[in-house]
Amino acid sequence: MADLNPYFKDGFTNTETWRVFRIMSEFVDGFEELSVISKGVSFFGSKCLAKTHPFYKFTRKTSYDLAKKDYQIITGAGLGIMEAANRGAYDAGGLSVGLNILIPEKQTPNQYINHLIEFRYFFVRKVMFAKHSHAFVVFPGGFGTLDELFEILALVQTLRIKPVPVILACKSYWQGLIGWLKDKVLSSGCIDKKDLDLFKLVDNPEEVYQAIKNFYKAGEKRKRK
């Protein structure tokens, strides 16, 4: 008979009190391993895009350029957009970080990572992205990408993390979502108009860098006033 429950593979994870210690150990390991990051840029996007896809090439060039400017690149360690981002950083001789997740559908880390950390728990992994990222660049993707995008936007909106640039790459991919946010979510009063300024749309690698640079330049100006 097939195993219908892939979530509990050993007795350890069936004991909730002991699970707390495993969670704690993941937080400790993650914080220590990522303490080397000073200007991390996290890339989110689909794992399904081939190396020949324009979005893959866009991602790789963006990552390469940022790594050359001394940013450290962080991804979820998978294929597609994640591989492209790690590959760009690797080619540039920069720090290429992969935060791999251990799930039933095994994800093998891509070959362009030079600093790998593995997690059992999605929420611990998300904390690592949020804590160690100087900026977030979100490329086209599916449910996982949208989950990561809206989690970061919610954290910024509710002031649970410091303001950080959230950049949506490939404008045409996001236009339908942005239109829905304006026509339905904003018009229904579920968000404020200012919430639509929490992210910026771009269409090339230089715009990504400029968006990050301008965000922090504007922040410094506000501090001096």
N, C-alpha and C. Protein backbone atom coordinates (compact mmCIF):
# COMPACT_ATOMS: atom_id res chain seq x y z
N MET A 1 0.84 -1.21 0.00
CA MET A 1 0.00 0.00 0.00
C MET A 1 0.88 1.25 0.00
N ALA A 2 0.53 2.20 -0.84
CA ALA A 2 1.34 3.42 -0.96
C ALA A 2 1.23 4.26 0.31
N ASP A 3 2.30 4.97 0.60
CA ASP A 3 2.33 5.88 1.75
C ASP A 3 1.52 7.11 1.40
N LEU A 4 0.37 7.29 2.06
CA LEU A 4 -0.51 8.41 1.75
C LEU A 4 -0.17 9.66 2.54
N ASN A 5 0.77 9.55 3.45
CA ASN A 5 1.14 10.70 4.27
C ASN A 5 2.64 10.95 4.16
N PRO A 6 3.06 11.79 3.22
CA PRO A 6 4.48 12.04 3.02
C PRO A 6 5.08 12.99 4.03
N TYR A 7 4.27 13.56 4.92
CA TYR A 7 4.74 14.63 5.79
C TYR A 7 5.43 14.13 7.05
N PHE A 8 5.15 12.90 7.47
CA PHE A 8 5.74 12.38 8.69
C PHE A 8 6.54 11.13 8.35
N LYS A 9 7.83 11.29 8.27
CA LYS A 9 8.69 10.19 7.84
C LYS A 9 9.41 9.50 8.98
N ASP A 10 9.33 10.06 10.18
CA ASP A 10 9.98 9.40 11.31
C ASP A 10 9.25 9.77 12.59
N GLY A 11 9.58 9.04 13.66
CA GLY A 11 8.91 9.27 14.92
C GLY A 11 9.18 10.64 15.51
N PHE A 12 10.33 11.19 15.17
CA PHE A 12 10.73 12.50 15.72
C PHE A 12 9.67 13.56 15.42
N THR A 13 9.24 13.62 14.13
CA THR A 13 8.32 14.68 13.73
C THR A 13 6.90 14.43 14.18
N ASN A 14 6.62 13.26 14.76
CA ASN A 14 5.31 13.01 15.34
C ASN A 14 5.21 13.52 16.77
N THR A 15 6.31 13.94 17.34
CA THR A 15 6.35 14.42 18.71
C THR A 15 6.50 15.93 18.69
N GLU A 16 5.41 16.64 18.92
CA GLU A 16 5.39 18.09 18.74
C GLU A 16 6.39 18.81 19.63
N THR A 17 6.54 18.37 20.88
CA THR A 17 7.45 19.08 21.77
C THR A 17 8.90 18.96 21.31
N TRP A 18 9.29 17.81 20.80
CA TRP A 18 10.66 17.65 20.31
C TRP A 18 10.86 18.37 18.98
N ARG A 19 9.79 18.53 18.23
CA ARG A 19 9.91 19.26 16.97
C ARG A 19 10.39 20.70 17.21
N VAL A 20 10.03 21.27 18.35
CA VAL A 20 10.45 22.63 18.69
C VAL A 20 11.97 22.75 18.66
N PHE A 21 12.67 21.74 19.15
CA PHE A 21 14.13 21.79 19.19
C PHE A 21 14.73 21.73 17.78
N ARG A 22 14.10 20.96 16.90
CA ARG A 22 14.56 20.91 15.52
C ARG A 22 14.37 22.28 14.86
N ILE A 23 13.23 22.92 15.13
CA ILE A 23 12.98 24.26 14.59
C ILE A 23 14.01 25.25 15.12
N MET A 24 14.27 25.19 16.41
CA MET A 24 15.27 26.07 17.01
C MET A 24 16.63 25.88 16.37
N SER A 25 17.00 24.63 16.13
CA SER A 25 18.31 24.36 15.54
C SER A 25 18.41 24.91 14.13
N GLU A 26 17.29 24.89 13.38
CA GLU A 26 17.31 25.45 12.03
C GLU A 26 17.49 26.97 12.07
N PHE A 27 16.83 27.62 13.03
CA PHE A 27 17.02 29.06 13.18
C PHE A 27 18.47 29.39 13.53
N VAL A 28 19.03 28.67 14.49
CA VAL A 28 20.41 28.94 14.90
C VAL A 28 21.37 28.72 13.75
N ASP A 29 21.25 27.59 13.06
CA ASP A 29 22.14 27.30 11.94
C ASP A 29 21.99 28.34 10.84
N GLY A 30 20.74 28.72 10.54
CA GLY A 30 20.51 29.70 9.48
C GLY A 30 21.11 31.05 9.80
N PHE A 31 20.89 31.54 11.02
CA PHE A 31 21.43 32.84 11.40
C PHE A 31 22.96 32.84 11.36
N GLU A 32 23.56 31.76 11.84
CA GLU A 32 25.03 31.69 11.85
C GLU A 32 25.59 31.59 10.43
N GLU A 33 24.99 30.73 9.61
CA GLU A 33 25.49 30.53 8.25
C GLU A 33 25.35 31.78 7.39
N LEU A 34 24.32 32.57 7.64
CA LEU A 34 24.06 33.74 6.81
C LEU A 34 24.61 35.04 7.40
N SER A 35 25.35 34.93 8.48
CA SER A 35 25.93 36.13 9.10
C SER A 35 26.97 36.79 8.20
N VAL A 36 27.44 36.07 7.18
CA VAL A 36 28.44 36.63 6.26
C VAL A 36 27.80 37.60 5.26
N ILE A 37 26.48 37.65 5.22
CA ILE A 37 25.79 38.48 4.23
C ILE A 37 25.60 39.90 4.75
N SER A 38 26.02 40.86 3.94
CA SER A 38 25.84 42.26 4.31
C SER A 38 24.88 42.99 3.37
N LYS A 39 24.88 42.60 2.09
CA LYS A 39 23.99 43.21 1.10
C LYS A 39 23.36 42.09 0.25
N GLY A 40 22.49 41.33 0.87
CA GLY A 40 21.88 40.22 0.16
C GLY A 40 20.73 40.67 -0.73
N VAL A 41 20.64 40.09 -1.90
CA VAL A 41 19.50 40.31 -2.78
C VAL A 41 18.87 38.96 -3.07
N SER A 42 17.62 38.80 -2.67
CA SER A 42 16.93 37.53 -2.89
C SER A 42 16.18 37.55 -4.23
N PHE A 43 16.32 36.46 -4.96
CA PHE A 43 15.63 36.29 -6.23
C PHE A 43 14.55 35.22 -6.06
N PHE A 44 13.33 35.55 -6.43
CA PHE A 44 12.23 34.59 -6.45
C PHE A 44 11.76 34.40 -7.88
N GLY A 45 11.29 33.20 -8.21
CA GLY A 45 10.77 32.95 -9.56
C GLY A 45 10.60 31.47 -9.82
N SER A 46 10.04 31.15 -10.96
CA SER A 46 9.69 29.78 -11.30
C SER A 46 10.90 28.87 -11.45
N LYS A 47 10.74 27.63 -11.01
CA LYS A 47 11.78 26.62 -11.20
C LYS A 47 11.64 25.93 -12.55
N CYS A 48 10.60 26.25 -13.31
CA CYS A 48 10.25 25.50 -14.51
C CYS A 48 10.81 26.06 -15.81
N LEU A 49 11.45 27.23 -15.75
CA LEU A 49 11.89 27.89 -16.99
C LEU A 49 13.24 27.36 -17.46
N ALA A 50 13.33 27.09 -18.75
CA ALA A 50 14.54 26.52 -19.35
C ALA A 50 15.64 27.57 -19.48
N LYS A 51 16.86 27.10 -19.68
CA LYS A 51 18.02 27.99 -19.82
C LYS A 51 17.89 28.91 -21.04
N THR A 52 17.11 28.50 -22.00
CA THR A 52 16.95 29.30 -23.22
C THR A 52 15.85 30.35 -23.10
N HIS A 53 15.11 30.33 -22.03
CA HIS A 53 13.99 31.27 -21.86
C HIS A 53 14.51 32.69 -21.62
N PRO A 54 13.86 33.70 -22.21
CA PRO A 54 14.30 35.09 -22.00
C PRO A 54 14.33 35.50 -20.53
N PHE A 55 13.40 34.98 -19.73
CA PHE A 55 13.39 35.33 -18.30
C PHE A 55 14.62 34.77 -17.59
N TYR A 56 15.07 33.59 -18.01
CA TYR A 56 16.28 32.99 -17.44
C TYR A 56 17.48 33.89 -17.75
N LYS A 57 17.58 34.32 -19.00
CA LYS A 57 18.71 35.16 -19.41
C LYS A 57 18.68 36.51 -18.69
N PHE A 58 17.50 37.08 -18.54
CA PHE A 58 17.32 38.34 -17.83
C PHE A 58 17.79 38.19 -16.38
N THR A 59 17.37 37.10 -15.75
CA THR A 59 17.75 36.84 -14.36
C THR A 59 19.26 36.69 -14.21
N ARG A 60 19.85 35.90 -15.07
CA ARG A 60 21.29 35.65 -14.99
C ARG A 60 22.09 36.94 -15.14
N LYS A 61 21.71 37.78 -16.10
CA LYS A 61 22.42 39.04 -16.32
C LYS A 61 22.24 39.98 -15.12
N THR A 62 21.02 40.03 -14.59
CA THR A 62 20.76 40.88 -13.43
C THR A 62 21.61 40.46 -12.24
N SER A 63 21.63 39.17 -11.98
CA SER A 63 22.41 38.64 -10.86
C SER A 63 23.90 38.90 -11.06
N TYR A 64 24.37 38.67 -12.26
CA TYR A 64 25.78 38.89 -12.56
C TYR A 64 26.17 40.35 -12.27
N ASP A 65 25.36 41.27 -12.75
CA ASP A 65 25.65 42.70 -12.56
C ASP A 65 25.64 43.08 -11.09
N LEU A 66 24.67 42.56 -10.33
CA LEU A 66 24.60 42.89 -8.91
C LEU A 66 25.77 42.28 -8.14
N ALA A 67 26.15 41.06 -8.49
CA ALA A 67 27.28 40.42 -7.82
C ALA A 67 28.57 41.19 -8.08
N LYS A 68 28.73 41.72 -9.28
CA LYS A 68 29.90 42.54 -9.60
C LYS A 68 29.93 43.83 -8.78
N LYS A 69 28.77 44.24 -8.29
CA LYS A 69 28.67 45.43 -7.45
C LYS A 69 28.66 45.06 -5.97
N ASP A 70 29.12 43.86 -5.66
CA ASP A 70 29.32 43.40 -4.29
C ASP A 70 28.03 43.07 -3.53
N TYR A 71 26.97 42.76 -4.25
CA TYR A 71 25.78 42.23 -3.60
C TYR A 71 25.92 40.71 -3.54
N GLN A 72 25.37 40.12 -2.48
CA GLN A 72 25.34 38.67 -2.36
C GLN A 72 23.97 38.18 -2.83
N ILE A 73 23.96 37.13 -3.63
CA ILE A 73 22.73 36.65 -4.25
C ILE A 73 22.17 35.46 -3.49
N ILE A 74 20.88 35.53 -3.15
CA ILE A 74 20.21 34.47 -2.38
C ILE A 74 19.03 33.93 -3.19
N THR A 75 18.91 32.61 -3.26
CA THR A 75 17.77 32.00 -3.94
C THR A 75 17.27 30.81 -3.13
N GLY A 76 16.21 30.19 -3.64
CA GLY A 76 15.68 28.98 -3.03
C GLY A 76 16.40 27.73 -3.45
N ALA A 77 17.48 27.86 -4.22
CA ALA A 77 18.42 26.77 -4.55
C ALA A 77 17.98 25.86 -5.69
N GLY A 78 16.80 26.08 -6.26
CA GLY A 78 16.29 25.18 -7.28
C GLY A 78 16.75 25.52 -8.69
N LEU A 79 15.95 25.07 -9.66
CA LEU A 79 16.26 25.29 -11.07
C LEU A 79 15.57 26.55 -11.58
N GLY A 80 15.53 26.72 -12.89
CA GLY A 80 14.84 27.85 -13.48
C GLY A 80 15.42 29.19 -13.07
N ILE A 81 14.56 30.08 -12.59
CA ILE A 81 14.98 31.42 -12.18
C ILE A 81 16.01 31.36 -11.07
N MET A 82 15.84 30.43 -10.14
CA MET A 82 16.79 30.29 -9.04
C MET A 82 18.17 29.92 -9.55
N GLU A 83 18.23 28.96 -10.46
CA GLU A 83 19.51 28.57 -11.04
C GLU A 83 20.15 29.73 -11.79
N ALA A 84 19.33 30.46 -12.54
CA ALA A 84 19.86 31.59 -13.31
C ALA A 84 20.49 32.63 -12.40
N ALA A 85 19.83 32.91 -11.28
CA ALA A 85 20.37 33.90 -10.34
C ALA A 85 21.66 33.41 -9.70
N ASN A 86 21.67 32.16 -9.25
CA ASN A 86 22.90 31.60 -8.69
C ASN A 86 24.02 31.56 -9.73
N ARG A 87 23.65 31.25 -10.95
CA ARG A 87 24.65 31.15 -12.02
C ARG A 87 25.30 32.50 -12.31
N GLY A 88 24.48 33.55 -12.34
CA GLY A 88 25.03 34.88 -12.57
C GLY A 88 26.01 35.28 -11.49
N ALA A 89 25.64 35.02 -10.23
CA ALA A 89 26.53 35.35 -9.11
C ALA A 89 27.80 34.52 -9.15
N TYR A 90 27.64 33.24 -9.46
CA TYR A 90 28.79 32.32 -9.54
C TYR A 90 29.75 32.77 -10.63
N ASP A 91 29.22 33.12 -11.80
CA ASP A 91 30.06 33.57 -12.91
C ASP A 91 30.79 34.87 -12.58
N ALA A 92 30.17 35.69 -11.75
CA ALA A 92 30.77 36.98 -11.38
C ALA A 92 31.78 36.84 -10.25
N GLY A 93 31.91 35.63 -9.71
CA GLY A 93 32.83 35.42 -8.61
C GLY A 93 32.29 35.89 -7.28
N GLY A 94 30.96 36.02 -7.19
CA GLY A 94 30.34 36.51 -5.96
C GLY A 94 29.82 35.40 -5.08
N LEU A 95 29.22 35.78 -3.97
CA LEU A 95 28.63 34.81 -3.06
C LEU A 95 27.27 34.39 -3.60
N SER A 96 27.12 33.10 -3.87
CA SER A 96 25.91 32.54 -4.46
C SER A 96 25.27 31.60 -3.45
N VAL A 97 24.21 32.09 -2.79
CA VAL A 97 23.61 31.38 -1.66
C VAL A 97 22.35 30.64 -2.10
N GLY A 98 22.20 29.41 -1.62
CA GLY A 98 20.99 28.65 -1.89
C GLY A 98 20.36 28.18 -0.59
N LEU A 99 19.09 28.52 -0.38
CA LEU A 99 18.35 28.06 0.79
C LEU A 99 17.41 26.95 0.34
N ASN A 100 17.90 25.74 0.37
CA ASN A 100 17.15 24.61 -0.16
C ASN A 100 16.09 24.13 0.83
N ILE A 101 14.96 23.66 0.31
CA ILE A 101 13.90 23.14 1.14
C ILE A 101 13.78 21.63 0.95
N LEU A 102 13.67 20.90 2.05
CA LEU A 102 13.52 19.46 1.99
C LEU A 102 12.04 19.11 2.00
N ILE A 103 11.53 18.68 0.85
CA ILE A 103 10.11 18.38 0.69
C ILE A 103 9.98 17.02 0.01
N PRO A 104 8.78 16.40 0.08
CA PRO A 104 8.60 15.08 -0.54
C PRO A 104 9.02 15.04 -2.00
N GLU A 105 8.68 16.10 -2.77
CA GLU A 105 9.14 16.19 -4.15
C GLU A 105 10.55 16.75 -4.11
N LYS A 106 11.52 15.87 -4.05
CA LYS A 106 12.90 16.26 -3.76
C LYS A 106 13.41 17.33 -4.71
N GLN A 107 13.99 18.38 -4.14
CA GLN A 107 14.61 19.44 -4.93
C GLN A 107 16.12 19.33 -4.79
N THR A 108 16.78 19.01 -5.87
CA THR A 108 18.25 18.94 -5.88
C THR A 108 18.80 20.34 -6.12
N PRO A 109 19.65 20.85 -5.25
CA PRO A 109 20.21 22.20 -5.44
C PRO A 109 20.94 22.31 -6.77
N ASN A 110 20.84 23.48 -7.39
CA ASN A 110 21.55 23.69 -8.65
C ASN A 110 23.06 23.77 -8.41
N GLN A 111 23.82 23.62 -9.47
CA GLN A 111 25.27 23.47 -9.38
C GLN A 111 26.02 24.80 -9.20
N TYR A 112 25.31 25.91 -9.20
CA TYR A 112 25.99 27.21 -9.17
C TYR A 112 25.96 27.86 -7.78
N ILE A 113 25.73 27.06 -6.76
CA ILE A 113 25.68 27.56 -5.39
C ILE A 113 27.03 27.32 -4.71
N ASN A 114 27.58 28.33 -4.08
CA ASN A 114 28.80 28.12 -3.32
C ASN A 114 28.59 28.29 -1.80
N HIS A 115 27.33 28.47 -1.41
CA HIS A 115 27.00 28.53 0.02
C HIS A 115 25.58 27.98 0.17
N LEU A 116 25.49 26.70 0.55
CA LEU A 116 24.20 26.01 0.60
C LEU A 116 23.76 25.76 2.04
N ILE A 117 22.48 26.02 2.31
CA ILE A 117 21.86 25.71 3.60
C ILE A 117 20.55 24.99 3.29
N GLU A 118 20.24 23.95 4.07
CA GLU A 118 19.01 23.20 3.83
C GLU A 118 18.06 23.32 5.02
N PHE A 119 16.76 23.40 4.70
CA PHE A 119 15.72 23.59 5.71
C PHE A 119 14.62 22.56 5.57
N ARG A 120 14.05 22.15 6.69
CA ARG A 120 12.86 21.30 6.68
C ARG A 120 11.59 22.13 6.71
N TYR A 121 11.69 23.34 7.26
CA TYR A 121 10.49 24.13 7.51
C TYR A 121 10.47 25.38 6.64
N PHE A 122 9.39 25.54 5.89
CA PHE A 122 9.25 26.69 5.01
C PHE A 122 9.30 28.00 5.80
N PHE A 123 8.67 28.04 6.96
CA PHE A 123 8.60 29.30 7.69
C PHE A 123 9.97 29.74 8.20
N VAL A 124 10.84 28.79 8.56
CA VAL A 124 12.19 29.15 8.98
C VAL A 124 12.95 29.71 7.77
N ARG A 125 12.82 29.05 6.66
CA ARG A 125 13.48 29.50 5.42
C ARG A 125 13.01 30.90 5.04
N LYS A 126 11.72 31.17 5.19
CA LYS A 126 11.20 32.50 4.86
C LYS A 126 11.79 33.58 5.77
N VAL A 127 11.96 33.24 7.04
CA VAL A 127 12.58 34.19 7.97
C VAL A 127 13.99 34.54 7.51
N MET A 128 14.72 33.55 7.01
CA MET A 128 16.09 33.79 6.54
C MET A 128 16.11 34.75 5.34
N PHE A 129 15.17 34.54 4.43
CA PHE A 129 15.07 35.47 3.30
C PHE A 129 14.78 36.89 3.80
N ALA A 130 13.80 37.00 4.69
CA ALA A 130 13.37 38.32 5.15
C ALA A 130 14.46 39.03 5.95
N LYS A 131 15.16 38.30 6.80
CA LYS A 131 16.16 38.92 7.67
C LYS A 131 17.42 39.35 6.93
N HIS A 132 17.82 38.59 5.93
CA HIS A 132 19.14 38.81 5.33
C HIS A 132 19.11 39.46 3.95
N SER A 133 17.95 39.98 3.55
CA SER A 133 17.84 40.55 2.21
C SER A 133 17.81 42.07 2.24
N HIS A 134 18.65 42.65 1.43
CA HIS A 134 18.74 44.09 1.22
C HIS A 134 17.72 44.53 0.18
N ALA A 135 17.28 43.56 -0.64
CA ALA A 135 16.31 43.81 -1.69
C ALA A 135 15.74 42.48 -2.16
N PHE A 136 14.55 42.53 -2.77
CA PHE A 136 13.92 41.34 -3.34
C PHE A 136 13.62 41.59 -4.81
N VAL A 137 14.04 40.67 -5.65
CA VAL A 137 13.75 40.76 -7.08
C VAL A 137 12.88 39.57 -7.44
N VAL A 138 11.66 39.84 -7.89
CA VAL A 138 10.68 38.78 -8.12
C VAL A 138 10.45 38.64 -9.62
N PHE A 139 10.82 37.49 -10.15
CA PHE A 139 10.62 37.18 -11.56
C PHE A 139 9.35 36.35 -11.71
N PRO A 140 8.89 36.15 -12.94
CA PRO A 140 7.68 35.36 -13.15
C PRO A 140 7.76 33.98 -12.48
N GLY A 141 6.65 33.60 -11.87
CA GLY A 141 6.60 32.31 -11.19
C GLY A 141 5.18 31.93 -10.83
N GLY A 142 5.03 30.84 -10.09
CA GLY A 142 3.72 30.31 -9.75
C GLY A 142 3.33 30.56 -8.31
N PHE A 143 2.64 29.60 -7.70
CA PHE A 143 2.13 29.77 -6.35
C PHE A 143 3.23 30.08 -5.34
N GLY A 144 4.36 29.36 -5.44
CA GLY A 144 5.44 29.59 -4.49
C GLY A 144 5.99 31.00 -4.58
N THR A 145 6.17 31.47 -5.80
CA THR A 145 6.67 32.83 -6.02
C THR A 145 5.69 33.86 -5.49
N LEU A 146 4.40 33.66 -5.77
CA LEU A 146 3.39 34.60 -5.30
C LEU A 146 3.30 34.60 -3.78
N ASP A 147 3.44 33.44 -3.18
CA ASP A 147 3.46 33.32 -1.73
C ASP A 147 4.61 34.14 -1.14
N GLU A 148 5.78 34.00 -1.71
CA GLU A 148 6.95 34.74 -1.22
C GLU A 148 6.78 36.23 -1.43
N LEU A 149 6.25 36.62 -2.59
CA LEU A 149 6.04 38.03 -2.88
C LEU A 149 5.09 38.67 -1.88
N PHE A 150 3.92 38.06 -1.69
CA PHE A 150 2.92 38.68 -0.82
C PHE A 150 3.30 38.60 0.65
N GLU A 151 4.07 37.60 1.03
CA GLU A 151 4.55 37.56 2.42
C GLU A 151 5.46 38.75 2.69
N ILE A 152 6.39 39.03 1.78
CA ILE A 152 7.29 40.17 1.98
C ILE A 152 6.53 41.48 1.96
N LEU A 153 5.58 41.63 1.03
CA LEU A 153 4.79 42.86 0.97
C LEU A 153 3.99 43.05 2.26
N ALA A 154 3.45 41.96 2.79
CA ALA A 154 2.68 42.06 4.04
C ALA A 154 3.58 42.46 5.21
N LEU A 155 4.78 41.93 5.25
CA LEU A 155 5.72 42.27 6.32
C LEU A 155 6.13 43.74 6.25
N VAL A 156 6.35 44.23 5.03
CA VAL A 156 6.70 45.65 4.87
C VAL A 156 5.51 46.54 5.20
N GLN A 157 4.34 46.16 4.70
CA GLN A 157 3.12 46.94 4.92
C GLN A 157 2.80 47.09 6.40
N THR A 158 3.00 46.03 7.16
CA THR A 158 2.65 46.03 8.58
C THR A 158 3.81 46.43 9.49
N LEU A 159 4.91 46.86 8.86
CA LEU A 159 6.09 47.34 9.60
C LEU A 159 6.73 46.25 10.47
N ARG A 160 6.60 45.00 10.03
CA ARG A 160 7.25 43.92 10.75
C ARG A 160 8.71 43.74 10.34
N ILE A 161 9.07 44.27 9.19
CA ILE A 161 10.47 44.37 8.78
C ILE A 161 10.71 45.79 8.28
N LYS A 162 11.96 46.19 8.24
CA LYS A 162 12.28 47.53 7.76
C LYS A 162 11.93 47.65 6.27
N PRO A 163 11.65 48.86 5.79
CA PRO A 163 11.36 49.04 4.37
C PRO A 163 12.48 48.48 3.50
N VAL A 164 12.12 47.83 2.43
CA VAL A 164 13.09 47.19 1.55
C VAL A 164 12.53 47.23 0.12
N PRO A 165 13.37 47.42 -0.88
CA PRO A 165 12.85 47.43 -2.25
C PRO A 165 12.36 46.07 -2.69
N VAL A 166 11.13 46.04 -3.21
CA VAL A 166 10.54 44.83 -3.79
C VAL A 166 10.33 45.12 -5.27
N ILE A 167 11.06 44.39 -6.10
CA ILE A 167 11.12 44.71 -7.53
C ILE A 167 10.52 43.58 -8.33
N LEU A 168 9.52 43.91 -9.14
CA LEU A 168 8.88 42.92 -10.01
C LEU A 168 9.49 43.04 -11.40
N ALA A 169 10.18 42.00 -11.83
CA ALA A 169 10.86 42.01 -13.12
C ALA A 169 9.96 41.42 -14.20
N CYS A 170 10.04 42.00 -15.41
CA CYS A 170 9.23 41.58 -16.57
C CYS A 170 7.81 42.14 -16.42
N LYS A 171 7.65 43.42 -16.75
CA LYS A 171 6.40 44.15 -16.50
C LYS A 171 5.17 43.45 -17.07
N SER A 172 5.27 42.96 -18.30
CA SER A 172 4.09 42.40 -18.95
C SER A 172 3.51 41.22 -18.17
N TYR A 173 4.36 40.47 -17.49
CA TYR A 173 3.90 39.31 -16.73
C TYR A 173 3.01 39.74 -15.56
N TRP A 174 3.28 40.89 -14.98
CA TRP A 174 2.61 41.32 -13.77
C TRP A 174 1.44 42.26 -14.00
N GLN A 175 1.22 42.72 -15.24
CA GLN A 175 0.22 43.74 -15.49
C GLN A 175 -1.19 43.30 -15.08
N GLY A 176 -1.54 42.04 -15.36
CA GLY A 176 -2.86 41.56 -14.98
C GLY A 176 -3.07 41.58 -13.48
N LEU A 177 -2.05 41.15 -12.74
CA LEU A 177 -2.13 41.15 -11.28
C LEU A 177 -2.23 42.57 -10.74
N ILE A 178 -1.44 43.48 -11.28
CA ILE A 178 -1.47 44.87 -10.83
C ILE A 178 -2.83 45.48 -11.12
N GLY A 179 -3.37 45.18 -12.31
CA GLY A 179 -4.70 45.67 -12.66
C GLY A 179 -5.76 45.18 -11.69
N TRP A 180 -5.67 43.90 -11.30
CA TRP A 180 -6.62 43.33 -10.34
C TRP A 180 -6.48 43.99 -8.97
N LEU A 181 -5.24 44.24 -8.54
CA LEU A 181 -5.03 44.90 -7.26
C LEU A 181 -5.67 46.29 -7.25
N LYS A 182 -5.57 46.99 -8.38
CA LYS A 182 -6.15 48.34 -8.46
C LYS A 182 -7.67 48.28 -8.58
N ASP A 183 -8.16 47.43 -9.50
CA ASP A 183 -9.59 47.42 -9.83
C ASP A 183 -10.44 46.75 -8.76
N LYS A 184 -9.89 45.74 -8.09
CA LYS A 184 -10.68 44.99 -7.11
C LYS A 184 -10.25 45.24 -5.67
N VAL A 185 -8.97 45.03 -5.40
CA VAL A 185 -8.51 45.09 -4.01
C VAL A 185 -8.51 46.53 -3.50
N LEU A 186 -7.95 47.45 -4.27
CA LEU A 186 -7.92 48.85 -3.86
C LEU A 186 -9.32 49.46 -3.86
N SER A 187 -10.07 49.21 -4.91
CA SER A 187 -11.40 49.80 -5.01
C SER A 187 -12.35 49.27 -3.94
N SER A 188 -12.07 48.09 -3.42
CA SER A 188 -12.89 47.52 -2.35
C SER A 188 -12.46 48.02 -0.98
N GLY A 189 -11.40 48.79 -0.93
CA GLY A 189 -10.91 49.33 0.34
C GLY A 189 -10.10 48.36 1.15
N CYS A 190 -9.63 47.29 0.50
CA CYS A 190 -8.86 46.27 1.23
C CYS A 190 -7.39 46.63 1.38
N ILE A 191 -6.90 47.55 0.58
CA ILE A 191 -5.56 48.12 0.73
C ILE A 191 -5.65 49.62 0.50
N ASP A 192 -4.63 50.35 0.92
CA ASP A 192 -4.55 51.78 0.66
C ASP A 192 -3.80 52.03 -0.64
N LYS A 193 -4.02 53.17 -1.23
CA LYS A 193 -3.34 53.52 -2.47
C LYS A 193 -1.83 53.48 -2.30
N LYS A 194 -1.35 53.89 -1.13
CA LYS A 194 0.09 53.91 -0.88
C LYS A 194 0.70 52.51 -0.89
N ASP A 195 -0.12 51.49 -0.67
CA ASP A 195 0.39 50.12 -0.67
C ASP A 195 0.86 49.70 -2.07
N LEU A 196 0.34 50.34 -3.08
CA LEU A 196 0.76 50.02 -4.45
C LEU A 196 2.15 50.59 -4.75
N ASP A 197 2.67 51.39 -3.82
CA ASP A 197 4.03 51.92 -3.98
C ASP A 197 5.07 51.04 -3.28
N LEU A 198 4.63 49.93 -2.70
CA LEU A 198 5.56 49.04 -1.99
C LEU A 198 6.40 48.21 -2.94
N PHE A 199 6.07 48.23 -4.23
CA PHE A 199 6.84 47.48 -5.22
C PHE A 199 7.05 48.34 -6.46
N LYS A 200 8.05 47.95 -7.25
CA LYS A 200 8.36 48.68 -8.47
C LYS A 200 8.52 47.70 -9.62
N LEU A 201 8.00 48.04 -10.79
CA LEU A 201 8.11 47.18 -11.96
C LEU A 201 9.30 47.62 -12.82
N VAL A 202 10.05 46.65 -13.33
CA VAL A 202 11.22 46.95 -14.17
C VAL A 202 11.26 45.97 -15.34
N ASP A 203 12.09 46.33 -16.32
CA ASP A 203 12.16 45.49 -17.52
C ASP A 203 13.57 45.16 -17.99
N ASN A 204 14.59 45.58 -17.24
CA ASN A 204 15.96 45.22 -17.63
C ASN A 204 16.88 45.25 -16.41
N PRO A 205 18.05 44.62 -16.51
CA PRO A 205 18.96 44.53 -15.35
C PRO A 205 19.37 45.88 -14.78
N GLU A 206 19.61 46.86 -15.63
CA GLU A 206 20.03 48.17 -15.14
C GLU A 206 18.94 48.81 -14.28
N GLU A 207 17.68 48.61 -14.66
CA GLU A 207 16.58 49.15 -13.88
C GLU A 207 16.50 48.50 -12.50
N VAL A 208 16.85 47.23 -12.41
CA VAL A 208 16.86 46.55 -11.11
C VAL A 208 17.87 47.23 -10.19
N TYR A 209 19.08 47.40 -10.69
CA TYR A 209 20.12 48.04 -9.88
C TYR A 209 19.73 49.46 -9.50
N GLN A 210 19.20 50.21 -10.45
CA GLN A 210 18.81 51.59 -10.17
C GLN A 210 17.69 51.65 -9.14
N ALA A 211 16.76 50.70 -9.20
CA ALA A 211 15.66 50.68 -8.24
C ALA A 211 16.18 50.47 -6.82
N ILE A 212 17.15 49.57 -6.67
CA ILE A 212 17.75 49.33 -5.36
C ILE A 212 18.52 50.57 -4.90
N LYS A 213 19.34 51.08 -5.78
CA LYS A 213 20.16 52.26 -5.46
C LYS A 213 19.29 53.46 -5.08
N ASN A 214 18.26 53.73 -5.88
CA ASN A 214 17.39 54.88 -5.63
C ASN A 214 16.60 54.73 -4.34
N PHE A 215 16.19 53.51 -4.03
CA PHE A 215 15.43 53.26 -2.80
C PHE A 215 16.24 53.66 -1.58
N TYR A 216 17.49 53.24 -1.53
CA TYR A 216 18.31 53.52 -0.35
C TYR A 216 18.82 54.96 -0.36
N LYS A 217 18.99 55.53 -1.52
CA LYS A 217 19.37 56.94 -1.61
C LYS A 217 18.25 57.82 -1.07
N ALA A 218 17.02 57.49 -1.42
CA ALA A 218 15.87 58.25 -0.91
C ALA A 218 15.74 58.07 0.59
N GLY A 219 16.04 56.88 1.09
CA GLY A 219 15.99 56.63 2.52
C GLY A 219 17.00 57.46 3.28
N GLU A 220 18.19 57.62 2.72
CA GLU A 220 19.22 58.45 3.37
C GLU A 220 18.79 59.91 3.41
N LYS A 221 18.15 60.37 2.35
CA LYS A 221 17.66 61.76 2.31
C LYS A 221 16.61 61.99 3.40
N ARG A 222 15.72 61.02 3.58
CA ARG A 222 14.68 61.17 4.60
C ARG A 222 15.29 61.22 6.00
N LYS A 223 16.35 60.46 6.22
CA LYS A 223 17.00 60.44 7.53
C LYS A 223 17.65 61.79 7.85
N ARG A 224 18.16 62.48 6.82
CA ARG A 224 18.88 63.74 7.04
C ARG A 224 17.93 64.91 7.26
N LYS A 225 16.64 64.74 6.92
CA LYS A 225 15.69 65.84 7.09
C LYS A 225 15.26 65.98 8.56
